[in-house]
Full PDB file with SEQRES, HELIX, SHEET, SSBOND, CRYST1, ORIGX, SCALE, CONECT and MASTER records, all heavy atoms in Angstrom:
SEQRES   1 A   34  GLY GLY LEU ALA LEU ASP GLU ALA CYS ARG LEU GLU SER          
SEQRES   2 A   34  GLU ASP ILE ASP SER LYS ARG MET LEU ILE ARG LEU ASP          
SEQRES   3 A   34  ALA LYS GLY SER ALA TRP PRO LYS                              
HELIX    1 AA1 LEU A    5  CYS A    9  1                                   5    
HELIX    2 AA2 SER A   13  ASP A   15  5                                   3    
SHEET    1 AA1 2 ILE A  16  ASP A  17  0                                        
SHEET    2 AA1 2 LEU A  22  ILE A  23 -1                                        
CRYST1    1.000    1.000    1.000  90.00  90.00  90.00 P 1           1          
ORIGX1      1.000000  0.000000  0.000000        0.00000                         
ORIGX2      0.000000  1.000000  0.000000        0.00000                         
ORIGX3      0.000000  0.000000  1.000000        0.00000                         
SCALE1      1.000000  0.000000  0.000000        0.00000                         
SCALE2      0.000000  1.000000  0.000000        0.00000                         
SCALE3      0.000000  0.000000  1.000000        0.00000                         
ATOM      1  N   GLY A   1      46.635-352.408 -11.718  1.00  0.00           N  
ATOM      2  CA  GLY A   1      46.477-351.673 -10.473  1.00  0.00           C  
ATOM      3  C   GLY A   1      45.633-352.379  -9.458  1.00  0.00           C  
ATOM      4  O   GLY A   1      45.363-351.857  -8.377  1.00  0.00           O  
ATOM      5  N   GLY A   2      45.159-353.581  -9.776  1.00  0.00           N  
ATOM      6  CA  GLY A   2      44.297-354.310  -8.864  1.00  0.00           C  
ATOM      7  C   GLY A   2      42.940-353.677  -8.714  1.00  0.00           C  
ATOM      8  O   GLY A   2      42.306-353.787  -7.661  1.00  0.00           O  
ATOM      9  N   LEU A   3      42.463-352.987  -9.773  1.00  0.00           N  
ATOM     10  CA  LEU A   3      41.179-352.328  -9.724  1.00  0.00           C  
ATOM     11  C   LEU A   3      40.063-353.257 -10.127  1.00  0.00           C  
ATOM     12  O   LEU A   3      40.269-354.219 -10.869  1.00  0.00           O  
ATOM     13  CB  LEU A   3      41.164-351.132 -10.706  1.00  0.00           C  
ATOM     14  CG  LEU A   3      42.285-350.122 -10.621  1.00  0.00           C  
ATOM     15  CD1 LEU A   3      42.113-349.071 -11.717  1.00  0.00           C  
ATOM     16  CD2 LEU A   3      42.288-349.462  -9.266  1.00  0.00           C  
ATOM     17  N   ALA A   4      38.868-352.960  -9.642  1.00  0.00           N  
ATOM     18  CA  ALA A   4      37.681-353.640 -10.140  1.00  0.00           C  
ATOM     19  C   ALA A   4      37.403-353.133 -11.563  1.00  0.00           C  
ATOM     20  O   ALA A   4      37.793-352.009 -11.892  1.00  0.00           O  
ATOM     21  CB  ALA A   4      36.499-353.371  -9.225  1.00  0.00           C  
ATOM     22  N   LEU A   5      36.711-353.920 -12.334  1.00  0.00           N  
ATOM     23  CA  LEU A   5      36.441-353.515 -13.733  1.00  0.00           C  
ATOM     24  C   LEU A   5      35.594-352.220 -13.781  1.00  0.00           C  
ATOM     25  O   LEU A   5      35.849-351.345 -14.615  1.00  0.00           O  
ATOM     26  CB  LEU A   5      35.731-354.599 -14.486  1.00  0.00           C  
ATOM     27  CG  LEU A   5      36.571-355.824 -14.849  1.00  0.00           C  
ATOM     28  CD1 LEU A   5      35.743-356.844 -15.601  1.00  0.00           C  
ATOM     29  CD2 LEU A   5      37.767-355.433 -15.661  1.00  0.00           C  
ATOM     30  N   ASP A   6      34.636-352.069 -12.887  1.00  0.00           N  
ATOM     31  CA  ASP A   6      33.816-350.867 -12.921  1.00  0.00           C  
ATOM     32  C   ASP A   6      34.651-349.649 -12.506  1.00  0.00           C  
ATOM     33  O   ASP A   6      34.432-348.558 -13.004  1.00  0.00           O  
ATOM     34  CB  ASP A   6      32.563-351.005 -12.056  1.00  0.00           C  
ATOM     35  CG  ASP A   6      32.846-351.273 -10.606  1.00  0.00           C  
ATOM     36  OD1 ASP A   6      33.935-351.780 -10.290  1.00  0.00           O  
ATOM     37  OD2 ASP A   6      31.951-350.955  -9.787  1.00  0.00           O  
ATOM     38  N   GLU A   7      35.631-349.815 -11.616  1.00  0.00           N  
ATOM     39  CA  GLU A   7      36.500-348.718 -11.254  1.00  0.00           C  
ATOM     40  C   GLU A   7      37.375-348.300 -12.436  1.00  0.00           C  
ATOM     41  O   GLU A   7      37.572-347.110 -12.696  1.00  0.00           O  
ATOM     42  CB  GLU A   7      37.411-349.106 -10.061  1.00  0.00           C  
ATOM     43  CG  GLU A   7      36.692-349.263  -8.769  1.00  0.00           C  
ATOM     44  CD  GLU A   7      37.584-349.797  -7.666  1.00  0.00           C  
ATOM     45  OE1 GLU A   7      38.562-350.514  -7.957  1.00  0.00           O  
ATOM     46  OE2 GLU A   7      37.304-349.511  -6.493  1.00  0.00           O  
ATOM     47  N   ALA A   8      37.893-349.283 -13.154  1.00  0.00           N  
ATOM     48  CA  ALA A   8      38.745-348.981 -14.318  1.00  0.00           C  
ATOM     49  C   ALA A   8      37.927-348.306 -15.425  1.00  0.00           C  
ATOM     50  O   ALA A   8      38.413-347.398 -16.091  1.00  0.00           O  
ATOM     51  CB  ALA A   8      39.381-350.250 -14.838  1.00  0.00           C  
ATOM     52  N   CYS A   9      36.691-348.735 -15.624  1.00  0.00           N  
ATOM     53  CA  CYS A   9      35.849-348.137 -16.671  1.00  0.00           C  
ATOM     54  C   CYS A   9      35.504-346.690 -16.351  1.00  0.00           C  
ATOM     55  O   CYS A   9      35.288-345.896 -17.275  1.00  0.00           O  
ATOM     56  CB  CYS A   9      34.566-348.956 -16.853  1.00  0.00           C  
ATOM     57  SG  CYS A   9      34.826-350.562 -17.606  1.00  0.00           S  
ATOM     58  N   ARG A  10      35.426-346.312 -15.076  1.00  0.00           N  
ATOM     59  CA  ARG A  10      35.030-344.945 -14.694  1.00  0.00           C  
ATOM     60  C   ARG A  10      36.202-344.001 -14.519  1.00  0.00           C  
ATOM     61  O   ARG A  10      36.012-342.864 -14.094  1.00  0.00           O  
ATOM     62  CB  ARG A  10      34.254-345.012 -13.368  1.00  0.00           C  
ATOM     63  CG  ARG A  10      32.884-345.615 -13.445  1.00  0.00           C  
ATOM     64  CD  ARG A  10      32.129-345.362 -12.146  1.00  0.00           C  
ATOM     65  NE  ARG A  10      32.945-345.607 -10.978  1.00  0.00           N  
ATOM     66  CZ  ARG A  10      32.808-346.613 -10.139  1.00  0.00           C  
ATOM     67  NH1 ARG A  10      31.892-347.511 -10.366  1.00  0.00           N  
ATOM     68  NH2 ARG A  10      33.593-346.742  -9.095  1.00  0.00           N  
ATOM     69  N   LEU A  11      37.412-344.428 -14.830  1.00  0.00           N  
ATOM     70  CA  LEU A  11      38.571-343.560 -14.625  1.00  0.00           C  
ATOM     71  C   LEU A  11      38.486-342.305 -15.490  1.00  0.00           C  
ATOM     72  O   LEU A  11      38.070-342.339 -16.633  1.00  0.00           O  
ATOM     73  CB  LEU A  11      39.852-344.300 -14.968  1.00  0.00           C  
ATOM     74  CG  LEU A  11      40.414-345.250 -13.941  1.00  0.00           C  
ATOM     75  CD1 LEU A  11      41.653-345.947 -14.467  1.00  0.00           C  
ATOM     76  CD2 LEU A  11      40.730-344.545 -12.646  1.00  0.00           C  
ATOM     77  N   GLU A  12      38.889-341.193 -14.884  1.00  0.00           N  
ATOM     78  CA  GLU A  12      38.950-339.922 -15.600  1.00  0.00           C  
ATOM     79  C   GLU A  12      40.396-339.491 -15.685  1.00  0.00           C  
ATOM     80  O   GLU A  12      41.256-339.963 -14.936  1.00  0.00           O  
ATOM     81  CB  GLU A  12      38.108-338.866 -14.862  1.00  0.00           C  
ATOM     82  CG  GLU A  12      36.643-339.222 -14.839  1.00  0.00           C  
ATOM     83  CD  GLU A  12      35.792-338.131 -14.207  1.00  0.00           C  
ATOM     84  OE1 GLU A  12      36.295-337.002 -14.024  1.00  0.00           O  
ATOM     85  OE2 GLU A  12      34.625-338.404 -13.914  1.00  0.00           O  
ATOM     86  N   SER A  13      40.681-338.565 -16.588  1.00  0.00           N  
ATOM     87  CA  SER A  13      42.052-338.171 -16.813  1.00  0.00           C  
ATOM     88  C   SER A  13      42.695-337.561 -15.560  1.00  0.00           C  
ATOM     89  O   SER A  13      43.862-337.771 -15.293  1.00  0.00           O  
ATOM     90  CB  SER A  13      42.126-337.173 -17.976  1.00  0.00           C  
ATOM     91  OG  SER A  13      41.298-336.064 -17.738  1.00  0.00           O  
ATOM     92  N   GLU A  14      41.903-336.852 -14.749  1.00  0.00           N  
ATOM     93  CA  GLU A  14      42.466-336.239 -13.549  1.00  0.00           C  
ATOM     94  C   GLU A  14      42.719-337.271 -12.427  1.00  0.00           C  
ATOM     95  O   GLU A  14      43.349-336.929 -11.396  1.00  0.00           O  
ATOM     96  CB  GLU A  14      41.616-335.089 -13.013  1.00  0.00           C  
ATOM     97  CG  GLU A  14      40.191-335.433 -12.775  1.00  0.00           C  
ATOM     98  CD  GLU A  14      39.284-335.132 -13.978  1.00  0.00           C  
ATOM     99  OE1 GLU A  14      39.753-334.775 -15.043  1.00  0.00           O  
ATOM    100  OE2 GLU A  14      38.079-335.316 -13.799  1.00  0.00           O  
ATOM    101  N   ASP A  15      42.267-338.500 -12.598  1.00  0.00           N  
ATOM    102  CA  ASP A  15      42.511-339.556 -11.621  1.00  0.00           C  
ATOM    103  C   ASP A  15      43.934-340.138 -11.734  1.00  0.00           C  
ATOM    104  O   ASP A  15      44.364-340.872 -10.844  1.00  0.00           O  
ATOM    105  CB  ASP A  15      41.500-340.691 -11.745  1.00  0.00           C  
ATOM    106  CG  ASP A  15      40.088-340.252 -11.387  1.00  0.00           C  
ATOM    107  OD1 ASP A  15      39.965-339.272 -10.626  1.00  0.00           O  
ATOM    108  OD2 ASP A  15      39.123-340.874 -11.893  1.00  0.00           O  
ATOM    109  N   ILE A  16      44.602-339.870 -12.829  1.00  0.00           N  
ATOM    110  CA  ILE A  16      45.937-340.418 -13.058  1.00  0.00           C  
ATOM    111  C   ILE A  16      46.975-339.370 -12.659  1.00  0.00           C  
ATOM    112  O   ILE A  16      47.021-338.281 -13.217  1.00  0.00           O  
ATOM    113  CB  ILE A  16      46.135-340.799 -14.557  1.00  0.00           C  
ATOM    114  CG1 ILE A  16      44.997-341.711 -15.042  1.00  0.00           C  
ATOM    115  CG2 ILE A  16      47.484-341.420 -14.762  1.00  0.00           C  
ATOM    116  CD1 ILE A  16      44.885-343.012 -14.318  1.00  0.00           C  
ATOM    117  N   ASP A  17      47.774-339.703 -11.663  1.00  0.00           N  
ATOM    118  CA  ASP A  17      48.840-338.821 -11.209  1.00  0.00           C  
ATOM    119  C   ASP A  17      50.168-339.437 -11.616  1.00  0.00           C  
ATOM    120  O   ASP A  17      50.716-340.275 -10.922  1.00  0.00           O  
ATOM    121  CB  ASP A  17      48.759-338.638  -9.698  1.00  0.00           C  
ATOM    122  CG  ASP A  17      49.714-337.615  -9.160  1.00  0.00           C  
ATOM    123  OD1 ASP A  17      50.574-337.151  -9.922  1.00  0.00           O  
ATOM    124  OD2 ASP A  17      49.612-337.251  -7.971  1.00  0.00           O  
ATOM    125  N   SER A  18      50.663-339.040 -12.793  1.00  0.00           N  
ATOM    126  CA  SER A  18      51.864-339.652 -13.325  1.00  0.00           C  
ATOM    127  C   SER A  18      53.138-339.203 -12.583  1.00  0.00           C  
ATOM    128  O   SER A  18      54.140-339.909 -12.615  1.00  0.00           O  
ATOM    129  CB  SER A  18      52.014-339.373 -14.819  1.00  0.00           C  
ATOM    130  OG  SER A  18      52.080-337.983 -15.056  1.00  0.00           O  
ATOM    131  N   LYS A  19      53.099-338.055 -11.927  1.00  0.00           N  
ATOM    132  CA  LYS A  19      54.268-337.609 -11.176  1.00  0.00           C  
ATOM    133  C   LYS A  19      54.483-338.452  -9.940  1.00  0.00           C  
ATOM    134  O   LYS A  19      55.602-338.815  -9.616  1.00  0.00           O  
ATOM    135  CB  LYS A  19      54.129-336.129 -10.821  1.00  0.00           C  
ATOM    136  CG  LYS A  19      54.241-335.212 -12.002  1.00  0.00           C  
ATOM    137  CD  LYS A  19      54.088-333.773 -11.574  1.00  0.00           C  
ATOM    138  CE  LYS A  19      54.107-332.894 -12.824  1.00  0.00           C  
ATOM    139  NZ  LYS A  19      53.780-331.525 -12.523  1.00  0.00           N  
ATOM    140  N   ARG A  20      53.413-338.731  -9.233  1.00  0.00           N  
ATOM    141  CA  ARG A  20      53.508-339.543  -8.022  1.00  0.00           C  
ATOM    142  C   ARG A  20      53.261-341.014  -8.284  1.00  0.00           C  
ATOM    143  O   ARG A  20      53.334-341.839  -7.372  1.00  0.00           O  
ATOM    144  CB  ARG A  20      52.524-339.064  -6.960  1.00  0.00           C  
ATOM    145  CG  ARG A  20      52.809-337.639  -6.497  1.00  0.00           C  
ATOM    146  CD  ARG A  20      52.002-337.239  -5.296  1.00  0.00           C  
ATOM    147  NE  ARG A  20      50.584-337.415  -5.481  1.00  0.00           N  
ATOM    148  CZ  ARG A  20      49.684-337.431  -4.509  1.00  0.00           C  
ATOM    149  NH1 ARG A  20      50.066-337.297  -3.285  1.00  0.00           N  
ATOM    150  NH2 ARG A  20      48.413-337.560  -4.772  1.00  0.00           N  
ATOM    151  N   MET A  21      52.950-341.378  -9.556  1.00  0.00           N  
ATOM    152  CA  MET A  21      52.672-342.756  -9.979  1.00  0.00           C  
ATOM    153  C   MET A  21      51.554-343.369  -9.146  1.00  0.00           C  
ATOM    154  O   MET A  21      51.688-344.421  -8.558  1.00  0.00           O  
ATOM    155  CB  MET A  21      53.942-343.618  -9.900  1.00  0.00           C  
ATOM    156  CG  MET A  21      55.037-343.137 -10.837  1.00  0.00           C  
ATOM    157  SD  MET A  21      54.564-343.210 -12.558  1.00  0.00           S  
ATOM    158  CE  MET A  21      54.559-344.948 -12.876  1.00  0.00           C  
ATOM    159  N   LEU A  22      50.404-342.643  -9.129  1.00  0.00           N  
ATOM    160  CA  LEU A  22      49.247-343.098  -8.370  1.00  0.00           C  
ATOM    161  C   LEU A  22      47.987-342.973  -9.225  1.00  0.00           C  
ATOM    162  O   LEU A  22      47.887-342.114 -10.101  1.00  0.00           O  
ATOM    163  CB  LEU A  22      49.054-342.245  -7.117  1.00  0.00           C  
ATOM    164  CG  LEU A  22      50.115-342.365  -6.018  1.00  0.00           C  
ATOM    165  CD1 LEU A  22      49.868-341.321  -4.951  1.00  0.00           C  
ATOM    166  CD2 LEU A  22      50.119-343.743  -5.425  1.00  0.00           C  
ATOM    167  N   ILE A  23      47.022-343.830  -8.916  1.00  0.00           N  
ATOM    168  CA  ILE A  23      45.685-343.727  -9.468  1.00  0.00           C  
ATOM    169  C   ILE A  23      44.768-343.371  -8.307  1.00  0.00           C  
ATOM    170  O   ILE A  23      44.767-344.049  -7.264  1.00  0.00           O  
ATOM    171  CB  ILE A  23      45.218-345.070 -10.101  1.00  0.00           C  
ATOM    172  CG1 ILE A  23      46.137-345.469 -11.235  1.00  0.00           C  
ATOM    173  CG2 ILE A  23      43.771-344.949 -10.595  1.00  0.00           C  
ATOM    174  CD1 ILE A  23      45.831-346.848 -11.797  1.00  0.00           C  
ATOM    175  N   ARG A  24      43.983-342.328  -8.491  1.00  0.00           N  
ATOM    176  CA  ARG A  24      43.063-341.880  -7.448  1.00  0.00           C  
ATOM    177  C   ARG A  24      41.687-342.481  -7.695  1.00  0.00           C  
ATOM    178  O   ARG A  24      41.147-342.401  -8.796  1.00  0.00           O  
ATOM    179  CB  ARG A  24      42.944-340.349  -7.488  1.00  0.00           C  
ATOM    180  CG  ARG A  24      42.037-339.788  -6.443  1.00  0.00           C  
ATOM    181  CD  ARG A  24      41.907-338.282  -6.648  1.00  0.00           C  
ATOM    182  NE  ARG A  24      41.138-337.644  -5.641  1.00  0.00           N  
ATOM    183  CZ  ARG A  24      39.824-337.517  -5.660  1.00  0.00           C  
ATOM    184  NH1 ARG A  24      39.140-337.959  -6.682  1.00  0.00           N  
ATOM    185  NH2 ARG A  24      39.175-336.952  -4.667  1.00  0.00           N  
ATOM    186  N   LEU A  25      41.142-343.098  -6.676  1.00  0.00           N  
ATOM    187  CA  LEU A  25      39.795-343.702  -6.752  1.00  0.00           C  
ATOM    188  C   LEU A  25      38.919-343.098  -5.670  1.00  0.00           C  
ATOM    189  O   LEU A  25      39.378-342.907  -4.547  1.00  0.00           O  
ATOM    190  CB  LEU A  25      39.870-345.216  -6.556  1.00  0.00           C  
ATOM    191  CG  LEU A  25      40.717-345.996  -7.536  1.00  0.00           C  
ATOM    192  CD1 LEU A  25      40.827-347.445  -7.074  1.00  0.00           C  
ATOM    193  CD2 LEU A  25      40.113-345.937  -8.918  1.00  0.00           C  
ATOM    194  N   ASP A  26      37.696-342.806  -6.017  1.00  0.00           N  
ATOM    195  CA  ASP A  26      36.741-342.383  -4.983  1.00  0.00           C  
ATOM    196  C   ASP A  26      36.253-343.612  -4.267  1.00  0.00           C  
ATOM    197  O   ASP A  26      35.601-344.482  -4.855  1.00  0.00           O  
ATOM    198  CB  ASP A  26      35.574-341.627  -5.626  1.00  0.00           C  
ATOM    199  CG  ASP A  26      36.001-340.283  -6.177  1.00  0.00           C  
ATOM    200  OD1 ASP A  26      36.887-339.648  -5.554  1.00  0.00           O  
ATOM    201  OD2 ASP A  26      35.472-339.850  -7.195  1.00  0.00           O  
ATOM    202  N   ALA A  27      36.603-343.718  -3.014  1.00  0.00           N  
ATOM    203  CA  ALA A  27      36.231-344.889  -2.223  1.00  0.00           C  
ATOM    204  C   ALA A  27      34.740-344.835  -1.926  1.00  0.00           C  
ATOM    205  O   ALA A  27      34.194-343.806  -1.549  1.00  0.00           O  
ATOM    206  CB  ALA A  27      37.039-344.929  -0.937  1.00  0.00           C  
ATOM    207  N   LYS A  28      34.090-345.973  -2.110  1.00  0.00           N  
ATOM    208  CA  LYS A  28      32.651-346.044  -1.837  1.00  0.00           C  
ATOM    209  C   LYS A  28      32.407-345.950  -0.338  1.00  0.00           C  
ATOM    210  O   LYS A  28      33.026-346.625   0.452  1.00  0.00           O  
ATOM    211  CB  LYS A  28      32.105-347.373  -2.363  1.00  0.00           C  
ATOM    212  CG  LYS A  28      32.231-347.498  -3.857  1.00  0.00           C  
ATOM    213  CD  LYS A  28      31.788-348.868  -4.316  1.00  0.00           C  
ATOM    214  CE  LYS A  28      32.024-349.027  -5.780  1.00  0.00           C  
ATOM    215  NZ  LYS A  28      31.820-350.390  -6.250  1.00  0.00           N  
ATOM    216  N   GLY A  29      31.484-345.065   0.041  1.00  0.00           N  
ATOM    217  CA  GLY A  29      31.104-344.946   1.427  1.00  0.00           C  
ATOM    218  C   GLY A  29      32.126-344.229   2.288  1.00  0.00           C  
ATOM    219  O   GLY A  29      32.041-344.262   3.498  1.00  0.00           O  
ATOM    220  N   SER A  30      33.097-343.580   1.696  1.00  0.00           N  
ATOM    221  CA  SER A  30      34.097-342.864   2.466  1.00  0.00           C  
ATOM    222  C   SER A  30      34.315-341.499   1.877  1.00  0.00           C  
ATOM    223  O   SER A  30      34.201-341.282   0.673  1.00  0.00           O  
ATOM    224  CB  SER A  30      35.419-343.673   2.430  1.00  0.00           C  
ATOM    225  OG  SER A  30      36.438-342.928   3.048  1.00  0.00           O  
ATOM    226  N   ALA A  31      34.641-340.551   2.711  1.00  0.00           N  
ATOM    227  CA  ALA A  31      34.909-339.197   2.252  1.00  0.00           C  
ATOM    228  C   ALA A  31      36.315-339.055   1.682  1.00  0.00           C  
ATOM    229  O   ALA A  31      36.602-338.121   0.951  1.00  0.00           O  
ATOM    230  CB  ALA A  31      34.721-338.198   3.406  1.00  0.00           C  
ATOM    231  N   TRP A  32      37.206-340.022   2.020  1.00  0.00           N  
ATOM    232  CA  TRP A  32      38.574-339.938   1.576  1.00  0.00           C  
ATOM    233  C   TRP A  32      38.795-340.780   0.316  1.00  0.00           C  
ATOM    234  O   TRP A  32      38.298-341.906   0.228  1.00  0.00           O  
ATOM    235  CB  TRP A  32      39.501-340.453   2.678  1.00  0.00           C  
ATOM    236  CG  TRP A  32      39.475-339.579   3.892  1.00  0.00           C  
ATOM    237  CD1 TRP A  32      38.679-339.748   4.994  1.00  0.00           C  
ATOM    238  CD2 TRP A  32      40.229-338.416   4.107  1.00  0.00           C  
ATOM    239  NE1 TRP A  32      38.895-338.757   5.884  1.00  0.00           N  
ATOM    240  CE2 TRP A  32      39.848-337.930   5.357  1.00  0.00           C  
ATOM    241  CE3 TRP A  32      41.179-337.733   3.385  1.00  0.00           C  
ATOM    242  CZ2 TRP A  32      40.404-336.769   5.905  1.00  0.00           C  
ATOM    243  CZ3 TRP A  32      41.719-336.590   3.914  1.00  0.00           C  
ATOM    244  CH2 TRP A  32      41.340-336.117   5.169  1.00  0.00           C  
ATOM    245  N   PRO A  33      39.541-340.271  -0.634  1.00  0.00           N  
ATOM    246  CA  PRO A  33      39.842-341.088  -1.822  1.00  0.00           C  
ATOM    247  C   PRO A  33      40.833-342.187  -1.504  1.00  0.00           C  
ATOM    248  O   PRO A  33      41.574-342.100  -0.516  1.00  0.00           O  
ATOM    249  CB  PRO A  33      40.406-340.067  -2.798  1.00  0.00           C  
ATOM    250  CG  PRO A  33      40.978-338.990  -1.963  1.00  0.00           C  
ATOM    251  CD  PRO A  33      40.120-338.936  -0.741  1.00  0.00           C  
ATOM    252  N   LYS A  34      40.864-343.161  -2.339  1.00  0.00           N  
ATOM    253  CA  LYS A  34      41.818-344.252  -2.221  1.00  0.00           C  
ATOM    254  C   LYS A  34      42.872-344.097  -3.327  1.00  0.00           C  
ATOM    255  O   LYS A  34      42.514-343.760  -4.458  1.00  0.00           O  
ATOM    256  CB  LYS A  34      41.060-345.574  -2.372  1.00  0.00           C  
ATOM    257  CG  LYS A  34      41.889-346.820  -2.285  1.00  0.00           C  
ATOM    258  CD  LYS A  34      40.981-348.036  -2.245  1.00  0.00           C  
ATOM    259  CE  LYS A  34      41.250-348.945  -3.412  1.00  0.00           C  
ATOM    260  NZ  LYS A  34      40.441-350.131  -3.415  1.00  0.00           N  
TER     261      LYS A  34                                                      
MASTER        0    0    0    2    2    0    0    6  260    1    0    3          
END                                                                             
């Protein structure tokens, strides 16, 4: 997914959206997720 290692280590089950085939990341310094 082109994630940083610390982002991958912090993934939670609700961050994986298998229906839309997306990984949700909390963007640093932003109110909007990536």
